[in-house]
Amino acid sequence: MSDYWKRPKITISKTKSEWVWDIIGYIIYVSSILLLIFNWSVLPEKVPAHYNALGEVDRYGSKWELIILPCIGIFLLVFMQVLEKHPEAHNYPSRLNESNAQQFYLHSRKLMNKIKNICLIIFSCIIFESISLSLGWGYDFGMWLLPIIFIATGIPIILGIMGQRKIK
């Protein structure tokens, strides 16, 4: 039988940092969707649809393809929100027990919250980038987009692993 079924179910209130991350992530994400909606009528029929590792457009597609980005973002939001609400389902080291479960759960949930909101912000940046390039606004992340994505997701994960090691 899996350890999951033996783990304690604990209700832990959201922390201030989780609320702040949610507010920032949701505002930026909703803003990017509103930007797409308000500029839909002026977008050309062909827009950047894919970027290579240097941040250069290597494929153009229909502006309807831009709808894929918010849809993936919504899927990730819902999926990661469910995982956030059930930290007992996360993966933990064998030293998890009744006395440290709350610490592990809170730590893991906070990491999930950060990653969820960082993903929303990244999708928002890609939406903004595609709109900006399509309309000639001159804003371009270029070759910085991929390193920013790796750093933005990698640092919280590395810090999360280091923080989890400190839990006794």
C-alpha atoms as a PDB file:
ATOM      1  CA  MET A   1       0.000   0.000   0.000  1.00  0.00           C
ATOM      2  CA  SER A   2       1.245   3.508  -0.831  1.00  0.00           C
ATOM      3  CA  ASP A   3       2.450   5.844   1.908  1.00  0.00           C
ATOM      4  CA  TYR A   4       0.045   8.456   0.543  1.00  0.00           C
ATOM      5  CA  TRP A   5      -2.934   6.801   2.243  1.00  0.00           C
ATOM      6  CA  LYS A   6      -1.115   6.763   5.579  1.00  0.00           C
ATOM      7  CA  ARG A   7      -0.153  10.440   5.508  1.00  0.00           C
ATOM      8  CA  PRO A   8      -1.987  12.821   7.827  1.00  0.00           C
ATOM      9  CA  LYS A   9      -4.485  15.228   6.270  1.00  0.00           C
ATOM     10  CA  ILE A  10      -3.733  18.669   7.694  1.00  0.00           C
ATOM     11  CA  THR A  11      -5.478  21.947   6.941  1.00  0.00           C
ATOM     12  CA  ILE A  12      -2.985  24.807   6.799  1.00  0.00           C
ATOM     13  CA  SER A  13      -4.075  28.377   6.077  1.00  0.00           C
ATOM     14  CA  LYS A  14      -2.533  30.189   3.119  1.00  0.00           C
ATOM     15  CA  THR A  15       0.434  32.318   4.075  1.00  0.00           C
ATOM     16  CA  LYS A  16       0.887  35.988   3.166  1.00  0.00           C
ATOM     17  CA  SER A  17       3.585  35.065   0.665  1.00  0.00           C
ATOM     18  CA  GLU A  18       1.213  32.628  -1.076  1.00  0.00           C
ATOM     19  CA  TRP A  19      -1.452  35.337  -1.292  1.00  0.00           C
ATOM     20  CA  VAL A  20       1.088  37.815  -2.682  1.00  0.00           C
ATOM     21  CA  TRP A  21       2.319  35.310  -5.285  1.00  0.00           C
ATOM     22  CA  ASP A  22      -1.293  34.538  -6.285  1.00  0.00           C
ATOM     23  CA  ILE A  23      -2.222  38.204  -6.609  1.00  0.00           C
ATOM     24  CA  ILE A  24       0.851  39.006  -8.711  1.00  0.00           C
ATOM     25  CA  GLY A  25       0.543  35.891 -10.887  1.00  0.00           C
ATOM     26  CA  TYR A  26      -3.205  36.267 -11.474  1.00  0.00           C
ATOM     27  CA  ILE A  27      -3.041  40.007 -12.200  1.00  0.00           C
ATOM     28  CA  ILE A  28      -0.254  39.576 -14.748  1.00  0.00           C
ATOM     29  CA  TYR A  29      -1.967  36.558 -16.331  1.00  0.00           C
ATOM     30  CA  VAL A  30      -5.407  38.209 -16.573  1.00  0.00           C
ATOM     31  CA  SER A  31      -3.739  41.376 -17.912  1.00  0.00           C
ATOM     32  CA  SER A  32      -2.072  39.395 -20.705  1.00  0.00           C
ATOM     33  CA  ILE A  33      -5.412  37.839 -21.653  1.00  0.00           C
ATOM     34  CA  LEU A  34      -7.054  41.287 -21.649  1.00  0.00           C
ATOM     35  CA  LEU A  35      -4.187  42.610 -23.783  1.00  0.00           C
ATOM     36  CA  LEU A  36      -4.824  39.810 -26.264  1.00  0.00           C
ATOM     37  CA  ILE A  37      -8.578  40.467 -26.291  1.00  0.00           C
ATOM     38  CA  PHE A  38      -8.241  44.245 -26.724  1.00  0.00           C
ATOM     39  CA  ASN A  39      -5.686  43.895 -29.536  1.00  0.00           C
ATOM     40  CA  TRP A  40      -7.331  40.965 -31.299  1.00  0.00           C
ATOM     41  CA  SER A  41      -8.906  43.063 -34.052  1.00  0.00           C
ATOM     42  CA  VAL A  42      -5.602  44.761 -34.973  1.00  0.00           C
ATOM     43  CA  LEU A  43      -3.418  41.638 -34.884  1.00  0.00           C
ATOM     44  CA  PRO A  44      -2.277  40.465 -38.319  1.00  0.00           C
ATOM     45  CA  GLU A  45      -3.446  37.057 -39.522  1.00  0.00           C
ATOM     46  CA  LYS A  46       0.099  35.664 -39.138  1.00  0.00           C
ATOM     47  CA  VAL A  47       1.772  36.059 -35.747  1.00  0.00           C
ATOM     48  CA  PRO A  48       4.856  34.542 -34.095  1.00  0.00           C
ATOM     49  CA  ALA A  49       3.920  30.982 -33.159  1.00  0.00           C
ATOM     50  CA  HIS A  50       7.243  29.500 -32.023  1.00  0.00           C
ATOM     51  CA  TYR A  51      10.614  30.746 -30.822  1.00  0.00           C
ATOM     52  CA  ASN A  52      13.981  28.990 -31.029  1.00  0.00           C
ATOM     53  CA  ALA A  53      16.519  28.827 -28.189  1.00  0.00           C
ATOM     54  CA  LEU A  54      17.876  32.262 -29.155  1.00  0.00           C
ATOM     55  CA  GLY A  55      14.429  33.826 -28.810  1.00  0.00           C
ATOM     56  CA  GLU A  56      14.056  34.273 -32.563  1.00  0.00           C
ATOM     57  CA  VAL A  57      10.761  33.544 -34.255  1.00  0.00           C
ATOM     58  CA  ASP A  58      11.174  30.336 -36.240  1.00  0.00           C
ATOM     59  CA  ARG A  59       7.535  29.804 -37.163  1.00  0.00           C
ATOM     60  CA  TYR A  60       4.585  32.047 -37.840  1.00  0.00           C
ATOM     61  CA  GLY A  61       1.024  30.858 -37.519  1.00  0.00           C
ATOM     62  CA  SER A  62      -2.550  32.033 -37.399  1.00  0.00           C
ATOM     63  CA  LYS A  63      -3.421  34.553 -34.712  1.00  0.00           C
ATOM     64  CA  TRP A  64      -5.884  31.930 -33.467  1.00  0.00           C
ATOM     65  CA  GLU A  65      -2.873  29.948 -32.247  1.00  0.00           C
ATOM     66  CA  LEU A  66      -2.345  32.640 -29.595  1.00  0.00           C
ATOM     67  CA  ILE A  67      -5.433  31.284 -27.835  1.00  0.00           C
ATOM     68  CA  ILE A  68      -3.480  28.100 -27.090  1.00  0.00           C
ATOM     69  CA  LEU A  69      -1.263  29.965 -24.606  1.00  0.00           C
ATOM     70  CA  PRO A  70      -4.058  31.154 -22.278  1.00  0.00           C
ATOM     71  CA  CYS A  71      -5.695  27.707 -22.528  1.00  0.00           C
ATOM     72  CA  ILE A  72      -2.493  25.961 -21.429  1.00  0.00           C
ATOM     73  CA  GLY A  73      -2.141  28.553 -18.677  1.00  0.00           C
ATOM     74  CA  ILE A  74      -5.667  27.875 -17.414  1.00  0.00           C
ATOM     75  CA  PHE A  75      -5.021  24.120 -17.472  1.00  0.00           C
ATOM     76  CA  LEU A  76      -1.791  24.586 -15.486  1.00  0.00           C
ATOM     77  CA  LEU A  77      -3.531  26.950 -13.075  1.00  0.00           C
ATOM     78  CA  VAL A  78      -6.313  24.478 -12.307  1.00  0.00           C
ATOM     79  CA  PHE A  79      -4.011  21.440 -12.163  1.00  0.00           C
ATOM     80  CA  MET A  80      -1.434  23.104  -9.932  1.00  0.00           C
ATOM     81  CA  GLN A  81      -4.164  24.642  -7.739  1.00  0.00           C
ATOM     82  CA  VAL A  82      -5.497  21.140  -7.052  1.00  0.00           C
ATOM     83  CA  LEU A  83      -1.985  19.920  -6.205  1.00  0.00           C
ATOM     84  CA  GLU A  84      -1.525  22.951  -3.984  1.00  0.00           C
ATOM     85  CA  LYS A  85      -4.687  22.090  -2.037  1.00  0.00           C
ATOM     86  CA  HIS A  86      -3.483  18.507  -1.453  1.00  0.00           C
ATOM     87  CA  PRO A  87       0.111  18.689  -0.244  1.00  0.00           C
ATOM     88  CA  GLU A  88      -0.241  15.216   1.264  1.00  0.00           C
ATOM     89  CA  ALA A  89      -0.102  13.913  -2.332  1.00  0.00           C
ATOM     90  CA  HIS A  90       3.306  15.462  -3.011  1.00  0.00           C
ATOM     91  CA  ASN A  91       6.520  13.476  -3.021  1.00  0.00           C
ATOM     92  CA  TYR A  92       8.410  13.499   0.287  1.00  0.00           C
ATOM     93  CA  PRO A  93      11.476  11.814   1.751  1.00  0.00           C
ATOM     94  CA  SER A  94      10.990   8.801   3.993  1.00  0.00           C
ATOM     95  CA  ARG A  95      11.642  10.923   7.095  1.00  0.00           C
ATOM     96  CA  LEU A  96       8.136  12.447   6.817  1.00  0.00           C
ATOM     97  CA  ASN A  97       6.191  11.665  10.002  1.00  0.00           C
ATOM     98  CA  GLU A  98       3.370  13.063  12.165  1.00  0.00           C
ATOM     99  CA  SER A  99       5.659  15.547  13.911  1.00  0.00           C
ATOM    100  CA  ASN A 100       7.113  17.158  10.767  1.00  0.00           C
ATOM    101  CA  ALA A 101       4.249  16.685   8.297  1.00  0.00           C
ATOM    102  CA  GLN A 102       2.957  20.234   8.716  1.00  0.00           C
ATOM    103  CA  GLN A 103       6.401  21.680   7.951  1.00  0.00           C
ATOM    104  CA  PHE A 104       6.820  19.464   4.885  1.00  0.00           C
ATOM    105  CA  TYR A 105       3.310  20.211   3.606  1.00  0.00           C
ATOM    106  CA  LEU A 106       3.637  23.966   4.024  1.00  0.00           C
ATOM    107  CA  HIS A 107       7.070  24.019   2.423  1.00  0.00           C
ATOM    108  CA  SER A 108       5.934  21.921  -0.534  1.00  0.00           C
ATOM    109  CA  ARG A 109       2.702  23.883  -0.977  1.00  0.00           C
ATOM    110  CA  LYS A 110       4.579  27.191  -0.989  1.00  0.00           C
ATOM    111  CA  LEU A 111       6.942  25.843  -3.661  1.00  0.00           C
ATOM    112  CA  MET A 112       3.979  24.668  -5.752  1.00  0.00           C
ATOM    113  CA  ASN A 113       2.381  28.103  -5.370  1.00  0.00           C
ATOM    114  CA  LYS A 114       5.536  29.874  -6.583  1.00  0.00           C
ATOM    115  CA  ILE A 115       5.990  27.550  -9.565  1.00  0.00           C
ATOM    116  CA  LYS A 116       2.300  27.920 -10.522  1.00  0.00           C
ATOM    117  CA  ASN A 117       2.492  31.695 -10.517  1.00  0.00           C
ATOM    118  CA  ILE A 118       5.875  31.800 -12.247  1.00  0.00           C
ATOM    119  CA  CYS A 119       4.395  29.616 -15.022  1.00  0.00           C
ATOM    120  CA  LEU A 120       1.479  32.047 -15.357  1.00  0.00           C
ATOM    121  CA  ILE A 121       3.914  34.957 -15.586  1.00  0.00           C
ATOM    122  CA  ILE A 122       6.013  33.131 -18.205  1.00  0.00           C
ATOM    123  CA  PHE A 123       2.936  32.399 -20.331  1.00  0.00           C
ATOM    124  CA  SER A 124       1.964  36.062 -19.961  1.00  0.00           C
ATOM    125  CA  CYS A 125       5.410  37.133 -21.180  1.00  0.00           C
ATOM    126  CA  ILE A 126       5.139  34.880 -24.224  1.00  0.00           C
ATOM    127  CA  ILE A 127       1.677  36.283 -25.021  1.00  0.00           C
ATOM    128  CA  PHE A 128       3.027  39.822 -24.638  1.00  0.00           C
ATOM    129  CA  GLU A 129       6.073  38.978 -26.768  1.00  0.00           C
ATOM    130  CA  SER A 130       3.920  37.581 -29.595  1.00  0.00           C
ATOM    131  CA  ILE A 131       1.563  40.574 -29.534  1.00  0.00           C
ATOM    132  CA  SER A 132       4.455  43.045 -29.334  1.00  0.00           C
ATOM    133  CA  LEU A 133       6.303  41.505 -32.280  1.00  0.00           C
ATOM    134  CA  SER A 134       3.102  41.232 -34.313  1.00  0.00           C
ATOM    135  CA  LEU A 135       2.200  44.884 -33.807  1.00  0.00           C
ATOM    136  CA  GLY A 136       5.762  46.203 -34.088  1.00  0.00           C
ATOM    137  CA  TRP A 137       5.862  47.714 -30.602  1.00  0.00           C
ATOM    138  CA  GLY A 138       9.573  47.044 -30.349  1.00  0.00           C
ATOM    139  CA  TYR A 139       9.518  45.064 -27.099  1.00  0.00           C
ATOM    140  CA  ASP A 140      11.448  41.848 -27.484  1.00  0.00           C
ATOM    141  CA  PHE A 141      12.879  39.474 -24.870  1.00  0.00           C
ATOM    142  CA  GLY A 142      14.956  37.913 -27.622  1.00  0.00           C
ATOM    143  CA  MET A 143      17.695  35.584 -26.470  1.00  0.00           C
ATOM    144  CA  TRP A 144      16.916  36.373 -22.801  1.00  0.00           C
ATOM    145  CA  LEU A 145      13.568  34.550 -22.796  1.00  0.00           C
ATOM    146  CA  LEU A 146      14.903  30.994 -22.387  1.00  0.00           C
ATOM    147  CA  PRO A 147      17.500  31.856 -19.696  1.00  0.00           C
ATOM    148  CA  ILE A 148      14.839  33.840 -17.822  1.00  0.00           C
ATOM    149  CA  ILE A 149      12.514  30.816 -17.935  1.00  0.00           C
ATOM    150  CA  PHE A 150      15.250  28.469 -16.644  1.00  0.00           C
ATOM    151  CA  ILE A 151      16.301  30.858 -13.888  1.00  0.00           C
ATOM    152  CA  ALA A 152      12.734  31.770 -12.874  1.00  0.00           C
ATOM    153  CA  THR A 153      11.723  28.127 -12.466  1.00  0.00           C
ATOM    154  CA  GLY A 154      15.086  26.675 -11.428  1.00  0.00           C
ATOM    155  CA  ILE A 155      15.923  28.951  -8.504  1.00  0.00           C
ATOM    156  CA  PRO A 156      12.705  28.266  -6.538  1.00  0.00           C
ATOM    157  CA  ILE A 157      13.101  24.526  -7.111  1.00  0.00           C
ATOM    158  CA  ILE A 158      16.742  24.523  -5.962  1.00  0.00           C
ATOM    159  CA  LEU A 159      15.906  26.692  -2.940  1.00  0.00           C
ATOM    160  CA  GLY A 160      12.926  24.416  -2.226  1.00  0.00           C
ATOM    161  CA  ILE A 161      15.094  21.312  -2.212  1.00  0.00           C
ATOM    162  CA  MET A 162      17.633  23.016   0.029  1.00  0.00           C
ATOM    163  CA  GLY A 163      14.867  24.181   2.372  1.00  0.00           C
ATOM    164  CA  GLN A 164      13.322  20.727   2.524  1.00  0.00           C
ATOM    165  CA  ARG A 165      16.647  19.247   3.601  1.00  0.00           C
ATOM    166  CA  LYS A 166      16.566  21.464   6.700  1.00  0.00           C
ATOM    167  CA  ILE A 167      13.296  19.924   7.924  1.00  0.00           C
ATOM    168  CA  LYS A 168      14.026  17.353  10.607  1.00  0.00           C
END
